[in-house]
C-alpha cells in the first residue's frame, strides 16, 4: 500500500496535491482543500493547463501545511 508523500501515512486512496507534485492521502486532501490559498492554487493550475503546461509543479506548499503534516508524522511515530 502506498504512503502519503506529505504526512507519510498509509494512503488507502491518494490524489495529486494542488500545491505541488505530492501524491497525498485523503486526510491531507481535506486539510489542503480547507486552506485559504487552495482556490488560488486551483486557479493557477487551471490557467497553466489552458496554456497546455501539463507539467506545472504547482504554486508551492504553504509553510503551515508543511508544519501540520510534520506534526501528524511525529505523532504517528
Protein backbone atom coordinates (compact mmCIF):
# COMPACT_ATOMS: atom_id res chain seq x y z
CA UNK A 1 0.00 0.00 0.00
CA UNK A 2 1.42 3.42 -0.91
CA UNK A 3 2.26 6.09 1.62
CA UNK A 4 1.28 9.75 1.51
CA UNK A 5 4.12 11.93 0.23
CA UNK A 6 3.21 14.65 2.71
CA UNK A 7 2.40 13.03 6.07
CA UNK A 8 3.85 9.58 5.32
CA UNK A 9 0.65 7.90 6.50
CA UNK A 10 -0.85 4.94 4.66
CA UNK A 11 -2.73 6.15 1.60
CA UNK A 12 -5.64 3.78 1.02
CA UNK A 13 -6.50 6.21 -1.76
CA UNK A 14 -4.48 9.17 -2.99
CA UNK A 15 -4.84 12.26 -5.11
CA UNK A 16 -2.43 14.80 -6.53
CA UNK A 17 -1.91 17.93 -4.46
CA UNK A 18 -2.99 21.25 -5.94
CA UNK A 19 0.00 22.98 -4.30
CA UNK A 20 2.85 20.76 -5.50
CA UNK A 21 3.56 17.36 -7.04
CA UNK A 22 2.88 15.33 -3.88
CA UNK A 23 0.53 12.36 -4.01
CA UNK A 24 -1.46 12.86 -0.83
CA UNK A 25 -3.84 10.83 1.31
CA UNK A 26 -7.49 11.67 1.80
CA UNK A 27 -6.78 13.29 5.19
CA UNK A 28 -4.18 15.62 3.67
CA UNK A 29 -6.54 16.36 0.78
CA UNK A 30 -9.22 17.56 3.22
CA UNK A 31 -6.77 19.75 5.10
CA UNK A 32 -5.39 21.14 1.84
CA UNK A 33 -8.88 21.87 0.48
CA UNK A 34 -9.70 23.98 3.54
CA UNK A 35 -6.57 26.12 3.20
CA UNK A 36 -7.12 29.81 2.30
CA UNK A 37 -4.70 29.54 -0.67
CA UNK A 38 -6.41 26.47 -2.16
CA UNK A 39 -8.68 28.42 -4.53
CA UNK A 40 -5.71 30.36 -5.89
CA UNK A 41 -3.75 27.12 -6.37
CA UNK A 42 -6.64 25.65 -8.38
CA UNK A 43 -7.00 28.80 -10.49
CA UNK A 44 -3.28 28.91 -11.31
CA UNK A 45 -3.25 25.18 -12.12
CA UNK A 46 -6.23 25.59 -14.45
CA UNK A 47 -4.58 28.56 -16.18
CA UNK A 48 -1.42 26.52 -16.76
CA UNK A 49 -3.40 23.61 -18.21
CA UNK A 50 -5.17 26.05 -20.55
CA UNK A 51 -1.69 27.02 -21.77
CA UNK A 52 -1.03 23.28 -22.31
CA UNK A 53 1.52 23.22 -19.50
CA UNK A 54 0.74 19.74 -18.21
CA UNK A 55 3.91 19.57 -16.10
CA UNK A 56 3.16 22.53 -13.83
CA UNK A 57 4.73 21.88 -10.43
CA UNK A 58 2.20 23.97 -8.50
CA UNK A 59 2.45 27.23 -6.60
CA UNK A 60 4.33 25.63 -3.71
CA UNK A 61 3.22 24.09 -0.43
CA UNK A 62 2.36 26.73 2.20
CA UNK A 63 4.53 26.52 5.30
CA UNK A 64 1.58 25.92 7.63
CA UNK A 65 0.53 22.82 5.65
CA UNK A 66 4.09 21.50 5.78
CA UNK A 67 4.20 22.08 9.55
CA UNK A 68 0.83 20.37 10.04
CA UNK A 69 1.99 17.31 8.10
CA UNK A 70 5.21 17.16 10.13
CA UNK A 71 3.21 17.33 13.37
CA UNK A 72 0.97 14.46 12.26
CA UNK A 73 4.01 12.47 11.11
CA UNK A 74 5.73 12.84 14.51
CA UNK A 75 2.53 11.97 16.40
CA UNK A 76 2.27 8.74 14.43
CA UNK A 77 5.75 7.55 15.49
